[in-house]
PDB file of N, CA and C in Angstrom:
ATOM      1  N   MET A   1       3.729   1.603  23.582  1.00  0.00           N
ATOM      2  CA  MET A   1       3.930   2.458  22.432  1.00  0.00           C
ATOM      3  C   MET A   1       2.585   2.683  21.752  1.00  0.00           C
ATOM      4  N   SER A   2       2.271   3.904  21.429  1.00  0.00           N
ATOM      5  CA  SER A   2       1.006   4.211  20.767  1.00  0.00           C
ATOM      6  C   SER A   2       1.181   4.115  19.256  1.00  0.00           C
ATOM      7  N   GLN A   3       0.041   4.011  18.566  1.00  0.00           N
ATOM      8  CA  GLN A   3       0.095   3.951  17.108  1.00  0.00           C
ATOM      9  C   GLN A   3       0.695   5.207  16.514  1.00  0.00           C
ATOM     10  N   ALA A   4       0.561   6.340  17.193  1.00  0.00           N
ATOM     11  CA  ALA A   4       1.106   7.593  16.681  1.00  0.00           C
ATOM     12  C   ALA A   4       2.623   7.541  16.620  1.00  0.00           C
ATOM     13  N   ASP A   5       3.243   6.629  17.389  1.00  0.00           N
ATOM     14  CA  ASP A   5       4.687   6.498  17.395  1.00  0.00           C
ATOM     15  C   ASP A   5       5.178   5.511  16.340  1.00  0.00           C
ATOM     16  N   GLU A   6       4.269   4.895  15.609  1.00  0.00           N
ATOM     17  CA  GLU A   6       4.624   3.896  14.614  1.00  0.00           C
ATOM     18  C   GLU A   6       4.472   4.450  13.207  1.00  0.00           C
ATOM     19  N   TYR A   7       5.289   3.906  12.312  1.00  0.00           N
ATOM     20  CA  TYR A   7       5.166   4.246  10.894  1.00  0.00           C
ATOM     21  C   TYR A   7       5.463   2.987  10.101  1.00  0.00           C
ATOM     22  N   HIS A   8       4.553   2.617   9.218  1.00  0.00           N
ATOM     23  CA  HIS A   8       4.696   1.416   8.407  1.00  0.00           C
ATOM     24  C   HIS A   8       4.670   1.792   6.937  1.00  0.00           C
ATOM     25  N   ILE A   9       5.481   1.104   6.147  1.00  0.00           N
ATOM     26  CA  ILE A   9       5.409   1.212   4.695  1.00  0.00           C
ATOM     27  C   ILE A   9       5.579  -0.192   4.134  1.00  0.00           C
ATOM     28  N   ALA A  10       4.715  -0.536   3.192  1.00  0.00           N
ATOM     29  CA  ALA A  10       4.754  -1.864   2.598  1.00  0.00           C
ATOM     30  C   ALA A  10       4.599  -1.739   1.088  1.00  0.00           C
ATOM     31  N   SER A  11       5.277  -2.624   0.370  1.00  0.00           N
ATOM     32  CA  SER A  11       5.155  -2.622  -1.084  1.00  0.00           C
ATOM     33  C   SER A  11       4.531  -3.932  -1.538  1.00  0.00           C
ATOM     34  N   PHE A  12       3.870  -3.863  -2.684  1.00  0.00           N
ATOM     35  CA  PHE A  12       3.122  -4.999  -3.218  1.00  0.00           C
ATOM     36  C   PHE A  12       3.264  -5.059  -4.733  1.00  0.00           C
ATOM     37  N   VAL A  13       3.093  -6.256  -5.273  1.00  0.00           N
ATOM     38  CA  VAL A  13       2.959  -6.453  -6.713  1.00  0.00           C
ATOM     39  C   VAL A  13       1.584  -7.070  -6.932  1.00  0.00           C
ATOM     40  N   ALA A  14       0.814  -6.451  -7.808  1.00  0.00           N
ATOM     41  CA  ALA A  14      -0.517  -6.950  -8.133  1.00  0.00           C
ATOM     42  C   ALA A  14      -0.536  -7.377  -9.594  1.00  0.00           C
ATOM     43  N   GLN A  15      -1.312  -8.391  -9.874  1.00  0.00           N
ATOM     44  CA  GLN A  15      -1.472  -8.877 -11.243  1.00  0.00           C
ATOM     45  C   GLN A  15      -2.938  -8.734 -11.629  1.00  0.00           C
ATOM     46  N   CYS A  16      -3.189  -8.143 -12.784  1.00  0.00           N
ATOM     47  CA  CYS A  16      -4.556  -7.973 -13.264  1.00  0.00           C
ATOM     48  C   CYS A  16      -4.596  -8.204 -14.766  1.00  0.00           C
ATOM     49  N   GLU A  17      -5.787  -8.188 -15.297  1.00  0.00           N
ATOM     50  CA  GLU A  17      -5.967  -8.265 -16.742  1.00  0.00           C
ATOM     51  C   GLU A  17      -5.356  -6.996 -17.349  1.00  0.00           C
ATOM     52  N   PRO A  18      -4.480  -7.116 -18.350  1.00  0.00           N
ATOM     53  CA  PRO A  18      -3.834  -5.921 -18.914  1.00  0.00           C
ATOM     54  C   PRO A  18      -4.819  -4.837 -19.359  1.00  0.00           C
ATOM     55  N   SER A  19      -5.984  -5.219 -19.821  1.00  0.00           N
ATOM     56  CA  SER A  19      -6.966  -4.220 -20.274  1.00  0.00           C
ATOM     57  C   SER A  19      -7.544  -3.417 -19.110  1.00  0.00           C
ATOM     58  N   GLU A  20      -7.375  -3.882 -17.882  1.00  0.00           N
ATOM     59  CA  GLU A  20      -7.919  -3.208 -16.696  1.00  0.00           C
ATOM     60  C   GLU A  20      -6.875  -2.389 -15.942  1.00  0.00           C
ATOM     61  N   ILE A  21      -5.654  -2.335 -16.424  1.00  0.00           N
ATOM     62  CA  ILE A  21      -4.559  -1.755 -15.641  1.00  0.00           C
ATOM     63  C   ILE A  21      -4.785  -0.282 -15.302  1.00  0.00           C
ATOM     64  N   GLU A  22      -5.256   0.510 -16.232  1.00  0.00           N
ATOM     65  CA  GLU A  22      -5.451   1.942 -15.963  1.00  0.00           C
ATOM     66  C   GLU A  22      -6.517   2.165 -14.893  1.00  0.00           C
ATOM     67  N   ARG A  23      -7.605   1.433 -14.990  1.00  0.00           N
ATOM     68  CA  ARG A  23      -8.686   1.566 -14.003  1.00  0.00           C
ATOM     69  C   ARG A  23      -8.209   1.157 -12.612  1.00  0.00           C
ATOM     70  N   LEU A  24      -7.428   0.096 -12.538  1.00  0.00           N
ATOM     71  CA  LEU A  24      -6.965  -0.372 -11.241  1.00  0.00           C
ATOM     72  C   LEU A  24      -5.868   0.526 -10.660  1.00  0.00           C
ATOM     73  N   LYS A  25      -5.060   1.132 -11.513  1.00  0.00           N
ATOM     74  CA  LYS A  25      -4.094   2.125 -11.022  1.00  0.00           C
ATOM     75  C   LYS A  25      -4.836   3.303 -10.403  1.00  0.00           C
ATOM     76  N   GLU A  26      -5.905   3.735 -11.041  1.00  0.00           N
ATOM     77  CA  GLU A  26      -6.710   4.830 -10.493  1.00  0.00           C
ATOM     78  C   GLU A  26      -7.324   4.443  -9.153  1.00  0.00           C
ATOM     79  N   LEU A  27      -7.779   3.196  -9.032  1.00  0.00           N
ATOM     80  CA  LEU A  27      -8.335   2.720  -7.765  1.00  0.00           C
ATOM     81  C   LEU A  27      -7.288   2.784  -6.663  1.00  0.00           C
ATOM     82  N   ILE A  28      -6.100   2.275  -6.930  1.00  0.00           N
ATOM     83  CA  ILE A  28      -5.032   2.296  -5.918  1.00  0.00           C
ATOM     84  C   ILE A  28      -4.692   3.734  -5.540  1.00  0.00           C
ATOM     85  N   ASP A  29      -4.528   4.585  -6.534  1.00  0.00           N
ATOM     86  CA  ASP A  29      -4.182   5.986  -6.267  1.00  0.00           C
ATOM     87  C   ASP A  29      -5.305   6.752  -5.566  1.00  0.00           C
ATOM     88  N   SER A  30      -6.517   6.217  -5.562  1.00  0.00           N
ATOM     89  CA  SER A  30      -7.620   6.906  -4.893  1.00  0.00           C
ATOM     90  C   SER A  30      -7.483   6.840  -3.368  1.00  0.00           C
ATOM     91  N   PHE A  31      -6.669   5.937  -2.863  1.00  0.00           N
ATOM     92  CA  PHE A  31      -6.406   5.859  -1.428  1.00  0.00           C
ATOM     93  C   PHE A  31      -5.286   6.839  -1.092  1.00  0.00           C
ATOM     94  N   VAL A  32      -5.518   7.683  -0.103  1.00  0.00           N
ATOM     95  CA  VAL A  32      -4.553   8.721   0.269  1.00  0.00           C
ATOM     96  C   VAL A  32      -3.190   8.127   0.602  1.00  0.00           C
ATOM     97  N   ASP A  33      -3.172   6.975   1.235  1.00  0.00           N
ATOM     98  CA  ASP A  33      -1.919   6.385   1.702  1.00  0.00           C
ATOM     99  C   ASP A  33      -1.347   5.337   0.756  1.00  0.00           C
ATOM    100  N   ALA A  34      -1.838   5.277  -0.478  1.00  0.00           N
ATOM    101  CA  ALA A  34      -1.338   4.308  -1.460  1.00  0.00           C
ATOM    102  C   ALA A  34      -0.825   5.044  -2.691  1.00  0.00           C
ATOM    103  N   GLU A  35       0.193   4.462  -3.328  1.00  0.00           N
ATOM    104  CA  GLU A  35       0.774   5.095  -4.512  1.00  0.00           C
ATOM    105  C   GLU A  35       1.292   4.027  -5.463  1.00  0.00           C
ATOM    106  N   VAL A  36       0.938   4.177  -6.743  1.00  0.00           N
ATOM    107  CA  VAL A  36       1.442   3.290  -7.790  1.00  0.00           C
ATOM    108  C   VAL A  36       2.815   3.786  -8.211  1.00  0.00           C
ATOM    109  N   HIS A  37       3.765   2.850  -8.333  1.00  0.00           N
ATOM    110  CA  HIS A  37       5.132   3.207  -8.725  1.00  0.00           C
ATOM    111  C   HIS A  37       5.520   2.675 -10.089  1.00  0.00           C
ATOM    112  N   GLY A  38       4.753   1.726 -10.606  1.00  0.00           N
ATOM    113  CA  GLY A  38       5.083   1.204 -11.928  1.00  0.00           C
ATOM    114  C   GLY A  38       4.103   0.137 -12.361  1.00  0.00           C
ATOM    115  N   GLU A  39       4.141  -0.143 -13.675  1.00  0.00           N
ATOM    116  CA  GLU A  39       3.315  -1.195 -14.238  1.00  0.00           C
ATOM    117  C   GLU A  39       3.979  -1.687 -15.517  1.00  0.00           C
ATOM    118  N   ASN A  40       3.517  -2.831 -16.005  1.00  0.00           N
ATOM    119  CA  ASN A  40       4.016  -3.305 -17.291  1.00  0.00           C
ATOM    120  C   ASN A  40       2.851  -3.743 -18.165  1.00  0.00           C
ATOM    121  N   GLU A  41       3.151  -4.095 -19.411  1.00  0.00           N
ATOM    122  CA  GLU A  41       2.114  -4.445 -20.380  1.00  0.00           C
ATOM    123  C   GLU A  41       1.432  -5.774 -20.073  1.00  0.00           C
ATOM    124  N   GLN A  42       2.030  -6.587 -19.206  1.00  0.00           N
ATOM    125  CA  GLN A  42       1.441  -7.868 -18.847  1.00  0.00           C
ATOM    126  C   GLN A  42       0.423  -7.750 -17.713  1.00  0.00           C
ATOM    127  N   GLY A  43       0.211  -6.542 -17.172  1.00  0.00           N
ATOM    128  CA  GLY A  43      -0.790  -6.323 -16.142  1.00  0.00           C
ATOM    129  C   GLY A  43      -0.270  -6.353 -14.721  1.00  0.00           C
ATOM    130  N   LYS A  44       1.044  -6.200 -14.549  1.00  0.00           N
ATOM    131  CA  LYS A  44       1.594  -6.132 -13.192  1.00  0.00           C
ATOM    132  C   LYS A  44       1.675  -4.678 -12.750  1.00  0.00           C
ATOM    133  N   ILE A  45       1.311  -4.439 -11.486  1.00  0.00           N
ATOM    134  CA  ILE A  45       1.337  -3.103 -10.899  1.00  0.00           C
ATOM    135  C   ILE A  45       2.153  -3.184  -9.610  1.00  0.00           C
ATOM    136  N   VAL A  46       3.101  -2.271  -9.442  1.00  0.00           N
ATOM    137  CA  VAL A  46       3.876  -2.169  -8.207  1.00  0.00           C
ATOM    138  C   VAL A  46       3.357  -0.948  -7.457  1.00  0.00           C
ATOM    139  N   PHE A  47       3.014  -1.144  -6.169  1.00  0.00           N
ATOM    140  CA  PHE A  47       2.500  -0.020  -5.389  1.00  0.00           C
ATOM    141  C   PHE A  47       2.921  -0.137  -3.932  1.00  0.00           C
ATOM    142  N   THR A  48       2.856   0.989  -3.244  1.00  0.00           N
ATOM    143  CA  THR A  48       3.152   1.024  -1.816  1.00  0.00           C
ATOM    144  C   THR A  48       1.947   1.549  -1.057  1.00  0.00           C
ATOM    145  N   VAL A  49       1.894   1.164   0.218  1.00  0.00           N
ATOM    146  CA  VAL A  49       0.878   1.659   1.139  1.00  0.00           C
ATOM    147  C   VAL A  49       1.601   2.059   2.419  1.00  0.00           C
ATOM    148  N   GLU A  50       1.257   3.220   2.951  1.00  0.00           N
ATOM    149  CA  GLU A  50       1.851   3.714   4.191  1.00  0.00           C
ATOM    150  C   GLU A  50       0.760   3.875   5.240  1.00  0.00           C
ATOM    151  N   GLY A  51       1.144   3.757   6.514  1.00  0.00           N
ATOM    152  CA  GLY A  51       0.162   3.932   7.569  1.00  0.00           C
ATOM    153  C   GLY A  51       0.787   3.925   8.942  1.00  0.00           C
ATOM    154  N   THR A  52      -0.055   4.187   9.941  1.00  0.00           N
ATOM    155  CA  THR A  52       0.414   4.239  11.330  1.00  0.00           C
ATOM    156  C   THR A  52       0.332   2.888  12.024  1.00  0.00           C
ATOM    157  N   SER A  53      -0.152   1.868  11.300  1.00  0.00           N
ATOM    158  CA  SER A  53      -0.201   0.518  11.868  1.00  0.00           C
ATOM    159  C   SER A  53      -0.245  -0.491  10.731  1.00  0.00           C
ATOM    160  N   GLN A  54       0.105  -1.710  11.061  1.00  0.00           N
ATOM    161  CA  GLN A  54       0.007  -2.791  10.089  1.00  0.00           C
ATOM    162  C   GLN A  54      -1.452  -3.002   9.693  1.00  0.00           C
ATOM    163  N   LYS A  55      -2.346  -2.804  10.653  1.00  0.00           N
ATOM    164  CA  LYS A  55      -3.782  -2.974  10.390  1.00  0.00           C
ATOM    165  C   LYS A  55      -4.286  -1.952   9.370  1.00  0.00           C
ATOM    166  N   SER A  56      -3.811  -0.712   9.446  1.00  0.00           N
ATOM    167  CA  SER A  56      -4.259   0.304   8.489  1.00  0.00           C
ATOM    168  C   SER A  56      -3.828  -0.063   7.067  1.00  0.00           C
ATOM    169  N   ILE A  57      -2.645  -0.635   6.932  1.00  0.00           N
ATOM    170  CA  ILE A  57      -2.183  -1.087   5.616  1.00  0.00           C
ATOM    171  C   ILE A  57      -3.039  -2.261   5.149  1.00  0.00           C
ATOM    172  N   ALA A  58      -3.290  -3.211   6.036  1.00  0.00           N
ATOM    173  CA  ALA A  58      -4.094  -4.382   5.682  1.00  0.00           C
ATOM    174  C   ALA A  58      -5.503  -3.984   5.250  1.00  0.00           C
ATOM    175  N   ASN A  59      -6.080  -2.987   5.903  1.00  0.00           N
ATOM    176  CA  ASN A  59      -7.424  -2.534   5.531  1.00  0.00           C
ATOM    177  C   ASN A  59      -7.464  -2.015   4.100  1.00  0.00           C
ATOM    178  N   ILE A  60      -6.462  -1.239   3.715  1.00  0.00           N
ATOM    179  CA  ILE A  60      -6.404  -0.701   2.348  1.00  0.00           C
ATOM    180  C   ILE A  60      -6.198  -1.827   1.345  1.00  0.00           C
ATOM    181  N   VAL A  61      -5.257  -2.713   1.629  1.00  0.00           N
ATOM    182  CA  VAL A  61      -4.981  -3.826   0.712  1.00  0.00           C
ATOM    183  C   VAL A  61      -6.206  -4.731   0.581  1.00  0.00           C
ATOM    184  N   ASP A  62      -6.911  -4.959   1.664  1.00  0.00           N
ATOM    185  CA  ASP A  62      -8.122  -5.773   1.595  1.00  0.00           C
ATOM    186  C   ASP A  62      -9.179  -5.138   0.694  1.00  0.00           C
ATOM    187  N   GLN A  63      -9.315  -3.826   0.766  1.00  0.00           N
ATOM    188  CA  GLN A  63     -10.276  -3.138  -0.099  1.00  0.00           C
ATOM    189  C   GLN A  63      -9.867  -3.253  -1.565  1.00  0.00           C
ATOM    190  N   ILE A  64      -8.577  -3.137  -1.836  1.00  0.00           N
ATOM    191  CA  ILE A  64      -8.088  -3.282  -3.205  1.00  0.00           C
ATOM    192  C   ILE A  64      -8.280  -4.725  -3.675  1.00  0.00           C
ATOM    193  N   ARG A  65      -7.999  -5.674  -2.809  1.00  0.00           N
ATOM    194  CA  ARG A  65      -8.079  -7.106  -3.144  1.00  0.00           C
ATOM    195  C   ARG A  65      -9.511  -7.516  -3.527  1.00  0.00           C
ATOM    196  N   LEU A  66     -10.513  -6.816  -3.014  1.00  0.00           N
ATOM    197  CA  LEU A  66     -11.905  -7.149  -3.309  1.00  0.00           C
ATOM    198  C   LEU A  66     -12.286  -6.885  -4.767  1.00  0.00           C
ATOM    199  N   THR A  67     -11.449  -6.147  -5.482  1.00  0.00           N
ATOM    200  CA  THR A  67     -11.713  -5.850  -6.885  1.00  0.00           C
ATOM    201  C   THR A  67     -11.537  -7.129  -7.699  1.00  0.00           C
ATOM    202  N   GLU A  68     -12.571  -7.529  -8.391  1.00  0.00           N
ATOM    203  CA  GLU A  68     -12.569  -8.806  -9.103  1.00  0.00           C
ATOM    204  C   GLU A  68     -11.503  -8.896 -10.192  1.00  0.00           C
ATOM    205  N   GLU A  69     -11.084  -7.771 -10.747  1.00  0.00           N
ATOM    206  CA  GLU A  69     -10.136  -7.803 -11.859  1.00  0.00           C
ATOM    207  C   GLU A  69      -8.709  -8.156 -11.422  1.00  0.00           C
ATOM    208  N   PHE A  70      -8.425  -8.105 -10.133  1.00  0.00           N
ATOM    209  CA  PHE A  70      -7.099  -8.497  -9.663  1.00  0.00           C
ATOM    210  C   PHE A  70      -7.023 -10.010  -9.583  1.00  0.00           C
ATOM    211  N   PHE A  71      -5.992 -10.579 -10.188  1.00  0.00           N
ATOM    212  CA  PHE A  71      -5.747 -12.015 -10.068  1.00  0.00           C
ATOM    213  C   PHE A  71      -5.066 -12.315  -8.747  1.00  0.00           C
ATOM    214  N   SER A  72      -4.126 -11.439  -8.370  1.00  0.00           N
ATOM    215  CA  SER A  72      -3.389 -11.659  -7.123  1.00  0.00           C
ATOM    216  C   SER A  72      -2.743 -10.358  -6.669  1.00  0.00           C
ATOM    217  N   ILE A  73      -2.484 -10.283  -5.359  1.00  0.00           N
ATOM    218  CA  ILE A  73      -1.700  -9.203  -4.767  1.00  0.00           C
ATOM    219  C   ILE A  73      -0.708  -9.878  -3.834  1.00  0.00           C
ATOM    220  N   SER A  74       0.575  -9.629  -4.063  1.00  0.00           N
ATOM    221  CA  SER A  74       1.621 -10.263  -3.258  1.00  0.00           C
ATOM    222  C   SER A  74       2.438  -9.209  -2.533  1.00  0.00           C
ATOM    223  N   PRO A  75       2.661  -9.390  -1.242  1.00  0.00           N
ATOM    224  CA  PRO A  75       3.530  -8.459  -0.516  1.00  0.00           C
ATOM    225  C   PRO A  75       4.986  -8.669  -0.940  1.00  0.00           C
ATOM    226  N   VAL A  76       5.715  -7.572  -1.002  1.00  0.00           N
ATOM    227  CA  VAL A  76       7.129  -7.635  -1.365  1.00  0.00           C
ATOM    228  C   VAL A  76       7.999  -7.228  -0.190  1.00  0.00           C
ATOM    229  N   TYR A  77       7.608  -6.161   0.502  1.00  0.00           N
ATOM    230  CA  TYR A  77       8.447  -5.605   1.565  1.00  0.00           C
ATOM    231  C   TYR A  77       7.569  -4.884   2.577  1.00  0.00           C
ATOM    232  N   HIS A  78       7.947  -4.959   3.845  1.00  0.00           N
ATOM    233  CA  HIS A  78       7.254  -4.227   4.900  1.00  0.00           C
ATOM    234  C   HIS A  78       8.284  -3.709   5.879  1.00  0.00           C
ATOM    235  N   GLN A  79       8.283  -2.404   6.086  1.00  0.00           N
ATOM    236  CA  GLN A  79       9.195  -1.801   7.054  1.00  0.00           C
ATOM    237  C   GLN A  79       8.386  -1.146   8.154  1.00  0.00           C
ATOM    238  N   PHE A  80       8.847  -1.338   9.380  1.00  0.00           N
ATOM    239  CA  PHE A  80       8.181  -0.825  10.574  1.00  0.00           C
ATOM    240  C   PHE A  80       9.179   0.060  11.308  1.00  0.00           C
ATOM    241  N   LEU A  81       8.819   1.301  11.509  1.00  0.00           N
ATOM    242  CA  LEU A  81       9.685   2.230  12.223  1.00  0.00           C
ATOM    243  C   LEU A  81       8.989   2.728  13.475  1.00  0.00           C
ATOM    244  N   THR A  82       9.760   2.945  14.507  1.00  0.00           N
ATOM    245  CA  THR A  82       9.221   3.576  15.712  1.00  0.00           C
ATOM    246  C   THR A  82       9.960   4.878  15.919  1.00  0.00           C
ATOM    247  N   GLU A  83       9.253   5.837  16.401  1.00  0.00           N
ATOM    248  CA  GLU A  83       9.812   7.164  16.642  1.00  0.00           C
ATOM    249  C   GLU A  83       9.710   7.448  18.129  1.00  0.00           C
ATOM    250  N   PRO A  84      10.839   7.669  18.793  1.00  0.00           N
ATOM    251  CA  PRO A  84      10.759   8.000  20.217  1.00  0.00           C
ATOM    252  C   PRO A  84      10.027   9.325  20.414  1.00  0.00           C
ATOM    253  N   GLU A  85       9.404   9.456  21.573  1.00  0.00           N
ATOM    254  CA  GLU A  85       8.700  10.699  21.864  1.00  0.00           C
ATOM    255  C   GLU A  85       9.676  11.869  21.808  1.00  0.00           C
ATOM    256  N   THR A  86       9.221  12.964  21.245  1.00  0.00           N
ATOM    257  CA  THR A  86      10.047  14.156  21.143  1.00  0.00           C
ATOM    258  C   THR A  86      10.066  14.871  22.487  1.00  0.00           C
ATOM    259  N   VAL A  87      11.241  15.243  22.923  1.00  0.00           N
ATOM    260  CA  VAL A  87      11.392  15.963  24.184  1.00  0.00           C
ATOM    261  C   VAL A  87      11.690  17.423  23.848  1.00  0.00           C
ATOM    262  N   GLU A  88      10.876  18.309  24.392  1.00  0.00           N
ATOM    263  CA  GLU A  88      11.069  19.731  24.135  1.00  0.00           C
ATOM    264  C   GLU A  88      12.152  20.265  25.057  1.00  0.00           C
ATOM    265  N   VAL A  89      13.130  20.945  24.461  1.00  0.00           N
ATOM    266  CA  VAL A  89      14.232  21.525  25.224  1.00  0.00           C
ATOM    267  C   VAL A  89      14.042  23.035  25.236  1.00  0.00           C
ATOM    268  N   LYS A  90      14.131  23.616  26.444  1.00  0.00           N
ATOM    269  CA  LYS A  90      13.951  25.071  26.548  1.00  0.00           C
ATOM    270  C   LYS A  90      15.262  25.726  26.875  1.00  0.00           C
TER     271      LYS A  90
END
């Protein structure tokens, strides 16, 4: 199976300093395959990352994790889908 036949989506909860939440939401949203879905006043951010492989998701999360203002990033859910090759019918 090739990576083009795979689709991954994973969700995460990140904890940061509440004063940094807006900046870190912008950082997450700067990745094409990442999206912020919510946050609270205590500095928690819920976001998802999508990609064609588990490695592509890990690469994005690793880049986000390098930001010093994050206390932690915890995975919540990961779904892996495979798509059979499309057969053209004439």
